[in-house]
Amino acid sequence: MDFESALARLEKLVDEMERENLPLDDLLARYKEGMDLLRICRAQLDA
């Protein structure tokens, strides 16, 4: 995934987590996806 796409998806996940009243399982799934996206962004920034 390119940096811009990963960052856009990460921003969307954060927004969903802040605005929506989600069940814990959904929050955890979004958190995990967000951490994966963060790793992608960090690796590309480091490169």
ModelCIF file with pLDDT and N, C-alpha, C, O atoms, coordinates in Angstrom:
data_MODEL
#
_entry.id   MODEL 
#
_entity.id                         1 
_entity.type                       polymer 
_entity.pdbx_number_of_molecules   1 
#
_entity_poly.entity_id                      1 
_entity_poly.type                           'polypeptide(L)' 
_entity_poly.nstd_linkage                   no 
_entity_poly.nstd_monomer                   no 
_entity_poly.pdbx_seq_one_letter_code       MDFESALARLEKLVDEMERENLPLDDLLARYKEGMDLLRICRAQLDA 
_entity_poly.pdbx_seq_one_letter_code_can   MDFESALARLEKLVDEMERENLPLDDLLARYKEGMDLLRICRAQLDA 
_entity_poly.pdbx_strand_id                 A 
#
loop_
_entity_poly_seq.entity_id 
_entity_poly_seq.num 
_entity_poly_seq.mon_id 
_entity_poly_seq.hetero 
1 1  MET n 
1 2  ASP n 
1 3  PHE n 
1 4  GLU n 
1 5  SER n 
1 6  ALA n 
1 7  LEU n 
1 8  ALA n 
1 9  ARG n 
1 10 LEU n 
1 11 GLU n 
1 12 LYS n 
1 13 LEU n 
1 14 VAL n 
1 15 ASP n 
1 16 GLU n 
1 17 MET n 
1 18 GLU n 
1 19 ARG n 
1 20 GLU n 
1 21 ASN n 
1 22 LEU n 
1 23 PRO n 
1 24 LEU n 
1 25 ASP n 
1 26 ASP n 
1 27 LEU n 
1 28 LEU n 
1 29 ALA n 
1 30 ARG n 
1 31 TYR n 
1 32 LYS n 
1 33 GLU n 
1 34 GLY n 
1 35 MET n 
1 36 ASP n 
1 37 LEU n 
1 38 LEU n 
1 39 ARG n 
1 40 ILE n 
1 41 CYS n 
1 42 ARG n 
1 43 ALA n 
1 44 GLN n 
1 45 LEU n 
1 46 ASP n 
1 47 ALA n 
#
_struct_asym.id          A 
_struct_asym.entity_id   1 
#
loop_
_ma_qa_metric.id 
_ma_qa_metric.mode 
_ma_qa_metric.name 
_ma_qa_metric.software_group_id 
_ma_qa_metric.type 
1 global pLDDT . pLDDT 
2 local  pLDDT . pLDDT 
#
_ma_qa_metric_global.metric_id      1 
_ma_qa_metric_global.metric_value   96.11 
_ma_qa_metric_global.model_id       1 
_ma_qa_metric_global.ordinal_id     1 
#
loop_
_ma_qa_metric_local.label_asym_id 
_ma_qa_metric_local.label_comp_id 
_ma_qa_metric_local.label_seq_id 
_ma_qa_metric_local.metric_id 
_ma_qa_metric_local.metric_value 
_ma_qa_metric_local.model_id 
_ma_qa_metric_local.ordinal_id 
A MET 1  2 92.00 1 1  
A ASP 2  2 95.00 1 2  
A PHE 3  2 96.00 1 3  
A GLU 4  2 97.00 1 4  
A SER 5  2 97.00 1 5  
A ALA 6  2 97.00 1 6  
A LEU 7  2 97.00 1 7  
A ALA 8  2 98.00 1 8  
A ARG 9  2 97.00 1 9  
A LEU 10 2 97.00 1 10 
A GLU 11 2 97.00 1 11 
A LYS 12 2 97.00 1 12 
A LEU 13 2 97.00 1 13 
A VAL 14 2 96.00 1 14 
A ASP 15 2 96.00 1 15 
A GLU 16 2 95.00 1 16 
A MET 17 2 95.00 1 17 
A GLU 18 2 95.00 1 18 
A ARG 19 2 94.00 1 19 
A GLU 20 2 89.00 1 20 
A ASN 21 2 93.00 1 21 
A LEU 22 2 94.00 1 22 
A PRO 23 2 96.00 1 23 
A LEU 24 2 96.00 1 24 
A ASP 25 2 97.00 1 25 
A ASP 26 2 96.00 1 26 
A LEU 27 2 96.00 1 27 
A LEU 28 2 96.00 1 28 
A ALA 29 2 97.00 1 29 
A ARG 30 2 97.00 1 30 
A TYR 31 2 97.00 1 31 
A LYS 32 2 98.00 1 32 
A GLU 33 2 97.00 1 33 
A GLY 34 2 97.00 1 34 
A MET 35 2 97.00 1 35 
A ASP 36 2 97.00 1 36 
A LEU 37 2 97.00 1 37 
A LEU 38 2 97.00 1 38 
A ARG 39 2 96.00 1 39 
A ILE 40 2 96.00 1 40 
A CYS 41 2 97.00 1 41 
A ARG 42 2 97.00 1 42 
A ALA 43 2 96.00 1 43 
A GLN 44 2 96.00 1 44 
A LEU 45 2 97.00 1 45 
A ASP 46 2 97.00 1 46 
A ALA 47 2 96.00 1 47 
#
loop_
_atom_site.group_PDB 
_atom_site.id 
_atom_site.type_symbol 
_atom_site.label_atom_id 
_atom_site.label_alt_id 
_atom_site.label_comp_id 
_atom_site.label_asym_id 
_atom_site.label_entity_id 
_atom_site.label_seq_id 
_atom_site.pdbx_PDB_ins_code 
_atom_site.Cartn_x 
_atom_site.Cartn_y 
_atom_site.Cartn_z 
_atom_site.occupancy 
_atom_site.B_iso_or_equiv 
_atom_site.pdbx_formal_charge 
_atom_site.auth_seq_id 
_atom_site.auth_comp_id 
_atom_site.auth_asym_id 
_atom_site.auth_atom_id 
_atom_site.pdbx_PDB_model_num 
ATOM 1   N N  . MET A 1 1  ? 0.847   -1.190 0.000  1.00 92.00 ? 1  MET A N  1 
ATOM 2   C CA . MET A 1 1  ? 0.000   0.000  0.000  1.00 92.00 ? 1  MET A CA 1 
ATOM 3   C C  . MET A 1 1  ? 0.887   1.246  0.000  1.00 92.00 ? 1  MET A C  1 
ATOM 4   O O  . MET A 1 1  ? 1.878   1.307  0.728  1.00 92.00 ? 1  MET A O  1 
ATOM 5   N N  . ASP A 1 2  ? 0.530   2.238  -0.816 1.00 95.00 ? 2  ASP A N  1 
ATOM 6   C CA . ASP A 1 2  ? 1.352   3.445  -0.832 1.00 95.00 ? 2  ASP A CA 1 
ATOM 7   C C  . ASP A 1 2  ? 1.062   4.287  0.415  1.00 95.00 ? 2  ASP A C  1 
ATOM 8   O O  . ASP A 1 2  ? 0.043   4.111  1.083  1.00 95.00 ? 2  ASP A O  1 
ATOM 9   N N  . PHE A 1 3  ? 1.970   5.190  0.703  1.00 96.00 ? 3  PHE A N  1 
ATOM 10  C CA . PHE A 1 3  ? 1.911   5.985  1.930  1.00 96.00 ? 3  PHE A CA 1 
ATOM 11  C C  . PHE A 1 3  ? 0.596   6.756  2.043  1.00 96.00 ? 3  PHE A C  1 
ATOM 12  O O  . PHE A 1 3  ? -0.045  6.756  3.094  1.00 96.00 ? 3  PHE A O  1 
ATOM 13  N N  . GLU A 1 4  ? 0.205   7.402  0.966  1.00 97.00 ? 4  GLU A N  1 
ATOM 14  C CA . GLU A 1 4  ? -0.992  8.242  0.999  1.00 97.00 ? 4  GLU A CA 1 
ATOM 15  C C  . GLU A 1 4  ? -2.248  7.423  1.280  1.00 97.00 ? 4  GLU A C  1 
ATOM 16  O O  . GLU A 1 4  ? -3.121  7.856  2.032  1.00 97.00 ? 4  GLU A O  1 
ATOM 17  N N  . SER A 1 5  ? -2.336  6.242  0.675  1.00 97.00 ? 5  SER A N  1 
ATOM 18  C CA . SER A 1 5  ? -3.497  5.374  0.912  1.00 97.00 ? 5  SER A CA 1 
ATOM 19  C C  . SER A 1 5  ? -3.520  4.857  2.342  1.00 97.00 ? 5  SER A C  1 
ATOM 20  O O  . SER A 1 5  ? -4.573  4.810  2.977  1.00 97.00 ? 5  SER A O  1 
ATOM 21  N N  . ALA A 1 6  ? -2.352  4.469  2.843  1.00 97.00 ? 6  ALA A N  1 
ATOM 22  C CA . ALA A 1 6  ? -2.274  3.967  4.217  1.00 97.00 ? 6  ALA A CA 1 
ATOM 23  C C  . ALA A 1 6  ? -2.633  5.064  5.208  1.00 97.00 ? 6  ALA A C  1 
ATOM 24  O O  . ALA A 1 6  ? -3.354  4.818  6.175  1.00 97.00 ? 6  ALA A O  1 
ATOM 25  N N  . LEU A 1 7  ? -2.134  6.268  4.975  1.00 97.00 ? 7  LEU A N  1 
ATOM 26  C CA . LEU A 1 7  ? -2.426  7.382  5.875  1.00 97.00 ? 7  LEU A CA 1 
ATOM 27  C C  . LEU A 1 7  ? -3.911  7.751  5.838  1.00 97.00 ? 7  LEU A C  1 
ATOM 28  O O  . LEU A 1 7  ? -4.512  8.024  6.878  1.00 97.00 ? 7  LEU A O  1 
ATOM 29  N N  . ALA A 1 8  ? -4.496  7.759  4.648  1.00 98.00 ? 8  ALA A N  1 
ATOM 30  C CA . ALA A 1 8  ? -5.921  8.081  4.527  1.00 98.00 ? 8  ALA A CA 1 
ATOM 31  C C  . ALA A 1 8  ? -6.771  7.044  5.264  1.00 98.00 ? 8  ALA A C  1 
ATOM 32  O O  . ALA A 1 8  ? -7.720  7.405  5.959  1.00 98.00 ? 8  ALA A O  1 
ATOM 33  N N  . ARG A 1 9  ? -6.441  5.775  5.118  1.00 97.00 ? 9  ARG A N  1 
ATOM 34  C CA . ARG A 1 9  ? -7.185  4.718  5.810  1.00 97.00 ? 9  ARG A CA 1 
ATOM 35  C C  . ARG A 1 9  ? -6.999  4.846  7.317  1.00 97.00 ? 9  ARG A C  1 
ATOM 36  O O  . ARG A 1 9  ? -7.954  4.668  8.074  1.00 97.00 ? 9  ARG A O  1 
ATOM 37  N N  . LEU A 1 10 ? -5.784  5.153  7.760  1.00 97.00 ? 10 LEU A N  1 
ATOM 38  C CA . LEU A 1 10 ? -5.518  5.332  9.184  1.00 97.00 ? 10 LEU A CA 1 
ATOM 39  C C  . LEU A 1 10 ? -6.341  6.490  9.747  1.00 97.00 ? 10 LEU A C  1 
ATOM 40  O O  . LEU A 1 10 ? -6.916  6.373  10.829 1.00 97.00 ? 10 LEU A O  1 
ATOM 41  N N  . GLU A 1 11 ? -6.399  7.586  9.032  1.00 97.00 ? 11 GLU A N  1 
ATOM 42  C CA . GLU A 1 11 ? -7.204  8.733  9.475  1.00 97.00 ? 11 GLU A CA 1 
ATOM 43  C C  . GLU A 1 11 ? -8.681  8.364  9.565  1.00 97.00 ? 11 GLU A C  1 
ATOM 44  O O  . GLU A 1 11 ? -9.369  8.776  10.499 1.00 97.00 ? 11 GLU A O  1 
ATOM 45  N N  . LYS A 1 12 ? -9.173  7.588  8.599  1.00 97.00 ? 12 LYS A N  1 
ATOM 46  C CA . LYS A 1 12 ? -10.567 7.160  8.619  1.00 97.00 ? 12 LYS A CA 1 
ATOM 47  C C  . LYS A 1 12 ? -10.846 6.268  9.827  1.00 97.00 ? 12 LYS A C  1 
ATOM 48  O O  . LYS A 1 12 ? -11.882 6.405  10.477 1.00 97.00 ? 12 LYS A O  1 
ATOM 49  N N  . LEU A 1 13 ? -9.917  5.348  10.129 1.00 97.00 ? 13 LEU A N  1 
ATOM 50  C CA . LEU A 1 13 ? -10.093 4.471  11.286 1.00 97.00 ? 13 LEU A CA 1 
ATOM 51  C C  . LEU A 1 13 ? -10.153 5.268  12.585 1.00 97.00 ? 13 LEU A C  1 
ATOM 52  O O  . LEU A 1 13 ? -11.000 5.015  13.442 1.00 97.00 ? 13 LEU A O  1 
ATOM 53  N N  . VAL A 1 14 ? -9.248  6.229  12.720 1.00 96.00 ? 14 VAL A N  1 
ATOM 54  C CA . VAL A 1 14 ? -9.230  7.056  13.936 1.00 96.00 ? 14 VAL A CA 1 
ATOM 55  C C  . VAL A 1 14 ? -10.544 7.816  14.072 1.00 96.00 ? 14 VAL A C  1 
ATOM 56  O O  . VAL A 1 14 ? -11.118 7.897  15.158 1.00 96.00 ? 14 VAL A O  1 
ATOM 57  N N  . ASP A 1 15 ? -11.008 8.366  12.966 1.00 96.00 ? 15 ASP A N  1 
ATOM 58  C CA . ASP A 1 15 ? -12.272 9.101  12.985 1.00 96.00 ? 15 ASP A CA 1 
ATOM 59  C C  . ASP A 1 15 ? -13.424 8.186  13.403 1.00 96.00 ? 15 ASP A C  1 
ATOM 60  O O  . ASP A 1 15 ? -14.257 8.573  14.222 1.00 96.00 ? 15 ASP A O  1 
ATOM 61  N N  . GLU A 1 16 ? -13.473 6.984  12.847 1.00 95.00 ? 16 GLU A N  1 
ATOM 62  C CA . GLU A 1 16 ? -14.534 6.031  13.208 1.00 95.00 ? 16 GLU A CA 1 
ATOM 63  C C  . GLU A 1 16 ? -14.466 5.684  14.690 1.00 95.00 ? 16 GLU A C  1 
ATOM 64  O O  . GLU A 1 16 ? -15.492 5.612  15.367 1.00 95.00 ? 16 GLU A O  1 
ATOM 65  N N  . MET A 1 17 ? -13.260 5.470  15.186 1.00 95.00 ? 17 MET A N  1 
ATOM 66  C CA . MET A 1 17 ? -13.099 5.089  16.591 1.00 95.00 ? 17 MET A CA 1 
ATOM 67  C C  . MET A 1 17 ? -13.506 6.229  17.527 1.00 95.00 ? 17 MET A C  1 
ATOM 68  O O  . MET A 1 17 ? -14.017 5.984  18.620 1.00 95.00 ? 17 MET A O  1 
ATOM 69  N N  . GLU A 1 18 ? -13.281 7.468  17.101 1.00 95.00 ? 18 GLU A N  1 
ATOM 70  C CA . GLU A 1 18 ? -13.621 8.619  17.933 1.00 95.00 ? 18 GLU A CA 1 
ATOM 71  C C  . GLU A 1 18 ? -15.109 8.963  17.878 1.00 95.00 ? 18 GLU A C  1 
ATOM 72  O O  . GLU A 1 18 ? -15.684 9.385  18.881 1.00 95.00 ? 18 GLU A O  1 
ATOM 73  N N  . ARG A 1 19 ? -15.727 8.786  16.726 1.00 94.00 ? 19 ARG A N  1 
ATOM 74  C CA . ARG A 1 19 ? -17.092 9.259  16.527 1.00 94.00 ? 19 ARG A CA 1 
ATOM 75  C C  . ARG A 1 19 ? -18.178 8.202  16.760 1.00 94.00 ? 19 ARG A C  1 
ATOM 76  O O  . ARG A 1 19 ? -19.289 8.527  17.180 1.00 94.00 ? 19 ARG A O  1 
ATOM 77  N N  . GLU A 1 20 ? -17.851 6.958  16.488 1.00 89.00 ? 20 GLU A N  1 
ATOM 78  C CA . GLU A 1 20 ? -18.871 5.918  16.558 1.00 89.00 ? 20 GLU A CA 1 
ATOM 79  C C  . GLU A 1 20 ? -18.819 5.189  17.893 1.00 89.00 ? 20 GLU A C  1 
ATOM 80  O O  . GLU A 1 20 ? -17.763 5.041  18.507 1.00 89.00 ? 20 GLU A O  1 
ATOM 81  N N  . ASN A 1 21 ? -19.976 4.747  18.314 1.00 93.00 ? 21 ASN A N  1 
ATOM 82  C CA . ASN A 1 21 ? -20.074 3.948  19.534 1.00 93.00 ? 21 ASN A CA 1 
ATOM 83  C C  . ASN A 1 21 ? -19.971 2.481  19.116 1.00 93.00 ? 21 ASN A C  1 
ATOM 84  O O  . ASN A 1 21 ? -20.977 1.818  18.864 1.00 93.00 ? 21 ASN A O  1 
ATOM 85  N N  . LEU A 1 22 ? -18.739 1.997  19.048 1.00 94.00 ? 22 LEU A N  1 
ATOM 86  C CA . LEU A 1 22 ? -18.484 0.663  18.519 1.00 94.00 ? 22 LEU A CA 1 
ATOM 87  C C  . LEU A 1 22 ? -18.316 -0.352 19.646 1.00 94.00 ? 22 LEU A C  1 
ATOM 88  O O  . LEU A 1 22 ? -17.841 -0.013 20.730 1.00 94.00 ? 22 LEU A O  1 
ATOM 89  N N  . PRO A 1 23 ? -18.705 -1.590 19.386 1.00 96.00 ? 23 PRO A N  1 
ATOM 90  C CA . PRO A 1 23 ? -18.439 -2.658 20.351 1.00 96.00 ? 23 PRO A CA 1 
ATOM 91  C C  . PRO A 1 23 ? -16.925 -2.858 20.499 1.00 96.00 ? 23 PRO A C  1 
ATOM 92  O O  . PRO A 1 23 ? -16.151 -2.538 19.596 1.00 96.00 ? 23 PRO A O  1 
ATOM 93  N N  . LEU A 1 24 ? -16.532 -3.383 21.634 1.00 96.00 ? 24 LEU A N  1 
ATOM 94  C CA . LEU A 1 24 ? -15.116 -3.571 21.932 1.00 96.00 ? 24 LEU A CA 1 
ATOM 95  C C  . LEU A 1 24 ? -14.397 -4.381 20.856 1.00 96.00 ? 24 LEU A C  1 
ATOM 96  O O  . LEU A 1 24 ? -13.282 -4.032 20.466 1.00 96.00 ? 24 LEU A O  1 
ATOM 97  N N  . ASP A 1 25 ? -15.008 -5.443 20.377 1.00 97.00 ? 25 ASP A N  1 
ATOM 98  C CA . ASP A 1 25 ? -14.365 -6.267 19.341 1.00 97.00 ? 25 ASP A CA 1 
ATOM 99  C C  . ASP A 1 25 ? -14.072 -5.453 18.080 1.00 97.00 ? 25 ASP A C  1 
ATOM 100 O O  . ASP A 1 25 ? -13.017 -5.614 17.467 1.00 97.00 ? 25 ASP A O  1 
ATOM 101 N N  . ASP A 1 26 ? -15.001 -4.584 17.694 1.00 96.00 ? 26 ASP A N  1 
ATOM 102 C CA . ASP A 1 26 ? -14.794 -3.736 16.515 1.00 96.00 ? 26 ASP A CA 1 
ATOM 103 C C  . ASP A 1 26 ? -13.685 -2.722 16.764 1.00 96.00 ? 26 ASP A C  1 
ATOM 104 O O  . ASP A 1 26 ? -12.865 -2.459 15.884 1.00 96.00 ? 26 ASP A O  1 
ATOM 105 N N  . LEU A 1 27 ? -13.662 -2.152 17.969 1.00 96.00 ? 27 LEU A N  1 
ATOM 106 C CA . LEU A 1 27 ? -12.597 -1.217 18.316 1.00 96.00 ? 27 LEU A CA 1 
ATOM 107 C C  . LEU A 1 27 ? -11.229 -1.887 18.255 1.00 96.00 ? 27 LEU A C  1 
ATOM 108 O O  . LEU A 1 27 ? -10.272 -1.325 17.721 1.00 96.00 ? 27 LEU A O  1 
ATOM 109 N N  . LEU A 1 28 ? -11.151 -3.084 18.804 1.00 96.00 ? 28 LEU A N  1 
ATOM 110 C CA . LEU A 1 28 ? -9.879  -3.814 18.790 1.00 96.00 ? 28 LEU A CA 1 
ATOM 111 C C  . LEU A 1 28 ? -9.436  -4.150 17.374 1.00 96.00 ? 28 LEU A C  1 
ATOM 112 O O  . LEU A 1 28 ? -8.250  -4.065 17.058 1.00 96.00 ? 28 LEU A O  1 
ATOM 113 N N  . ALA A 1 29 ? -10.372 -4.529 16.529 1.00 97.00 ? 29 ALA A N  1 
ATOM 114 C CA . ALA A 1 29 ? -10.037 -4.835 15.133 1.00 97.00 ? 29 ALA A CA 1 
ATOM 115 C C  . ALA A 1 29 ? -9.522  -3.587 14.421 1.00 97.00 ? 29 ALA A C  1 
ATOM 116 O O  . ALA A 1 29 ? -8.554  -3.662 13.664 1.00 97.00 ? 29 ALA A O  1 
ATOM 117 N N  . ARG A 1 30 ? -10.159 -2.444 14.657 1.00 97.00 ? 30 ARG A N  1 
ATOM 118 C CA . ARG A 1 30 ? -9.712  -1.194 14.049 1.00 97.00 ? 30 ARG A CA 1 
ATOM 119 C C  . ARG A 1 30 ? -8.348  -0.779 14.600 1.00 97.00 ? 30 ARG A C  1 
ATOM 120 O O  . ARG A 1 30 ? -7.499  -0.281 13.861 1.00 97.00 ? 30 ARG A O  1 
ATOM 121 N N  . TYR A 1 31 ? -8.145  -0.986 15.887 1.00 97.00 ? 31 TYR A N  1 
ATOM 122 C CA . TYR A 1 31 ? -6.858  -0.673 16.496 1.00 97.00 ? 31 TYR A CA 1 
ATOM 123 C C  . TYR A 1 31 ? -5.740  -1.504 15.857 1.00 97.00 ? 31 TYR A C  1 
ATOM 124 O O  . TYR A 1 31 ? -4.679  -0.977 15.522 1.00 97.00 ? 31 TYR A O  1 
ATOM 125 N N  . LYS A 1 32 ? -5.988  -2.792 15.695 1.00 98.00 ? 32 LYS A N  1 
ATOM 126 C CA . LYS A 1 32 ? -4.984  -3.667 15.077 1.00 98.00 ? 32 LYS A CA 1 
ATOM 127 C C  . LYS A 1 32 ? -4.685  -3.223 13.651 1.00 98.00 ? 32 LYS A C  1 
ATOM 128 O O  . LYS A 1 32 ? -3.522  -3.139 13.255 1.00 98.00 ? 32 LYS A O  1 
ATOM 129 N N  . GLU A 1 33 ? -5.724  -2.941 12.884 1.00 97.00 ? 33 GLU A N  1 
ATOM 130 C CA . GLU A 1 33 ? -5.523  -2.477 11.510 1.00 97.00 ? 33 GLU A CA 1 
ATOM 131 C C  . GLU A 1 33 ? -4.749  -1.163 11.505 1.00 97.00 ? 33 GLU A C  1 
ATOM 132 O O  . GLU A 1 33 ? -3.864  -0.959 10.675 1.00 97.00 ? 33 GLU A O  1 
ATOM 133 N N  . GLY A 1 34 ? -5.087  -0.278 12.437 1.00 97.00 ? 34 GLY A N  1 
ATOM 134 C CA . GLY A 1 34 ? -4.388  0.996  12.532 1.00 97.00 ? 34 GLY A CA 1 
ATOM 135 C C  . GLY A 1 34 ? -2.906  0.821  12.829 1.00 97.00 ? 34 GLY A C  1 
ATOM 136 O O  . GLY A 1 34 ? -2.069  1.524  12.262 1.00 97.00 ? 34 GLY A O  1 
ATOM 137 N N  . MET A 1 35 ? -2.581  -0.106 13.710 1.00 97.00 ? 35 MET A N  1 
ATOM 138 C CA . MET A 1 35 ? -1.174  -0.364 14.027 1.00 97.00 ? 35 MET A CA 1 
ATOM 139 C C  . MET A 1 35 ? -0.438  -0.921 12.810 1.00 97.00 ? 35 MET A C  1 
ATOM 140 O O  . MET A 1 35 ? 0.718   -0.573 12.570 1.00 97.00 ? 35 MET A O  1 
ATOM 141 N N  . ASP A 1 36 ? -1.098  -1.780 12.048 1.00 97.00 ? 36 ASP A N  1 
ATOM 142 C CA . ASP A 1 36 ? -0.494  -2.300 10.820 1.00 97.00 ? 36 ASP A CA 1 
ATOM 143 C C  . ASP A 1 36 ? -0.242  -1.161 9.821  1.00 97.00 ? 36 ASP A C  1 
ATOM 144 O O  . ASP A 1 36 ? 0.811   -1.099 9.186  1.00 97.00 ? 36 ASP A O  1 
ATOM 145 N N  . LEU A 1 37 ? -1.217  -0.272 9.696  1.00 97.00 ? 37 LEU A N  1 
ATOM 146 C CA . LEU A 1 37 ? -1.072  0.875  8.798  1.00 97.00 ? 37 LEU A CA 1 
ATOM 147 C C  . LEU A 1 37 ? 0.045   1.799  9.271  1.00 97.00 ? 37 LEU A C  1 
ATOM 148 O O  . LEU A 1 37 ? 0.801   2.336  8.462  1.00 97.00 ? 37 LEU A O  1 
ATOM 149 N N  . LEU A 1 38 ? 0.142   1.976  10.557 1.00 97.00 ? 38 LEU A N  1 
ATOM 150 C CA . LEU A 1 38 ? 1.198   2.814  11.118 1.00 97.00 ? 38 LEU A CA 1 
ATOM 151 C C  . LEU A 1 38 ? 2.578   2.238  10.786 1.00 97.00 ? 38 LEU A C  1 
ATOM 152 O O  . LEU A 1 38 ? 3.503   2.987  10.473 1.00 97.00 ? 38 LEU A O  1 
ATOM 153 N N  . ARG A 1 39 ? 2.715   0.924  10.854 1.00 96.00 ? 39 ARG A N  1 
ATOM 154 C CA . ARG A 1 39 ? 3.982   0.278  10.499 1.00 96.00 ? 39 ARG A CA 1 
ATOM 155 C C  . ARG A 1 39 ? 4.331   0.520  9.022  1.00 96.00 ? 39 ARG A C  1 
ATOM 156 O O  . ARG A 1 39 ? 5.484   0.783  8.681  1.00 96.00 ? 39 ARG A O  1 
ATOM 157 N N  . ILE A 1 40 ? 3.321   0.426  8.162  1.00 96.00 ? 40 ILE A N  1 
ATOM 158 C CA . ILE A 1 40 ? 3.530   0.676  6.735  1.00 96.00 ? 40 ILE A CA 1 
ATOM 159 C C  . ILE A 1 40 ? 4.003   2.111  6.515  1.00 96.00 ? 40 ILE A C  1 
ATOM 160 O O  . ILE A 1 40 ? 4.963   2.350  5.781  1.00 96.00 ? 40 ILE A O  1 
ATOM 161 N N  . CYS A 1 41 ? 3.322   3.065  7.155  1.00 97.00 ? 41 CYS A N  1 
ATOM 162 C CA . CYS A 1 41 ? 3.690   4.474  7.002  1.00 97.00 ? 41 CYS A CA 1 
ATOM 163 C C  . CYS A 1 41 ? 5.101   4.722  7.529  1.00 97.00 ? 41 CYS A C  1 
ATOM 164 O O  . CYS A 1 41 ? 5.899   5.392  6.874  1.00 97.00 ? 41 CYS A O  1 
ATOM 165 N N  . ARG A 1 42 ? 5.405   4.192  8.692  1.00 97.00 ? 42 ARG A N  1 
ATOM 166 C CA . ARG A 1 42 ? 6.725   4.393  9.301  1.00 97.00 ? 42 ARG A CA 1 
ATOM 167 C C  . ARG A 1 42 ? 7.825   3.806  8.413  1.00 97.00 ? 42 ARG A C  1 
ATOM 168 O O  . ARG A 1 42 ? 8.866   4.438  8.227  1.00 97.00 ? 42 ARG A O  1 
ATOM 169 N N  . ALA A 1 43 ? 7.612   2.626  7.872  1.00 96.00 ? 43 ALA A N  1 
ATOM 170 C CA . ALA A 1 43 ? 8.617   2.003  7.008  1.00 96.00 ? 43 ALA A CA 1 
ATOM 171 C C  . ALA A 1 43 ? 8.866   2.854  5.762  1.00 96.00 ? 43 ALA A C  1 
ATOM 172 O O  . ALA A 1 43 ? 10.008  3.008  5.328  1.00 96.00 ? 43 ALA A O  1 
ATOM 173 N N  . GLN A 1 44 ? 7.806   3.398  5.195  1.00 96.00 ? 44 GLN A N  1 
ATOM 174 C CA . GLN A 1 44 ? 7.969   4.207  3.998  1.00 96.00 ? 44 GLN A CA 1 
ATOM 175 C C  . GLN A 1 44 ? 8.635   5.540  4.314  1.00 96.00 ? 44 GLN A C  1 
ATOM 176 O O  . GLN A 1 44 ? 9.435   6.036  3.520  1.00 96.00 ? 44 GLN A O  1 
ATOM 177 N N  . LEU A 1 45 ? 8.317   6.121  5.459  1.00 97.00 ? 45 LEU A N  1 
ATOM 178 C CA . LEU A 1 45 ? 8.981   7.357  5.863  1.00 97.00 ? 45 LEU A CA 1 
ATOM 179 C C  . LEU A 1 45 ? 10.464  7.113  6.137  1.00 97.00 ? 45 LEU A C  1 
ATOM 180 O O  . LEU A 1 45 ? 11.310  7.925  5.763  1.00 97.00 ? 45 LEU A O  1 
ATOM 181 N N  . ASP A 1 46 ? 10.771  6.006  6.780  1.00 97.00 ? 46 ASP A N  1 
ATOM 182 C CA . ASP A 1 46 ? 12.172  5.660  7.045  1.00 97.00 ? 46 ASP A CA 1 
ATOM 183 C C  . ASP A 1 46 ? 12.941  5.468  5.735  1.00 97.00 ? 46 ASP A C  1 
ATOM 184 O O  . ASP A 1 46 ? 14.077  5.923  5.606  1.00 97.00 ? 46 ASP A O  1 
ATOM 185 N N  . ALA A 1 47 ? 12.320  4.799  4.773  1.00 96.00 ? 47 ALA A N  1 
ATOM 186 C CA . ALA A 1 47 ? 12.962  4.583  3.478  1.00 96.00 ? 47 ALA A CA 1 
ATOM 187 C C  . ALA A 1 47 ? 13.188  5.910  2.756  1.00 96.00 ? 47 ALA A C  1 
ATOM 188 O O  . ALA A 1 47 ? 13.719  5.926  1.646  1.00 96.00 ? 47 ALA A O  1 
#
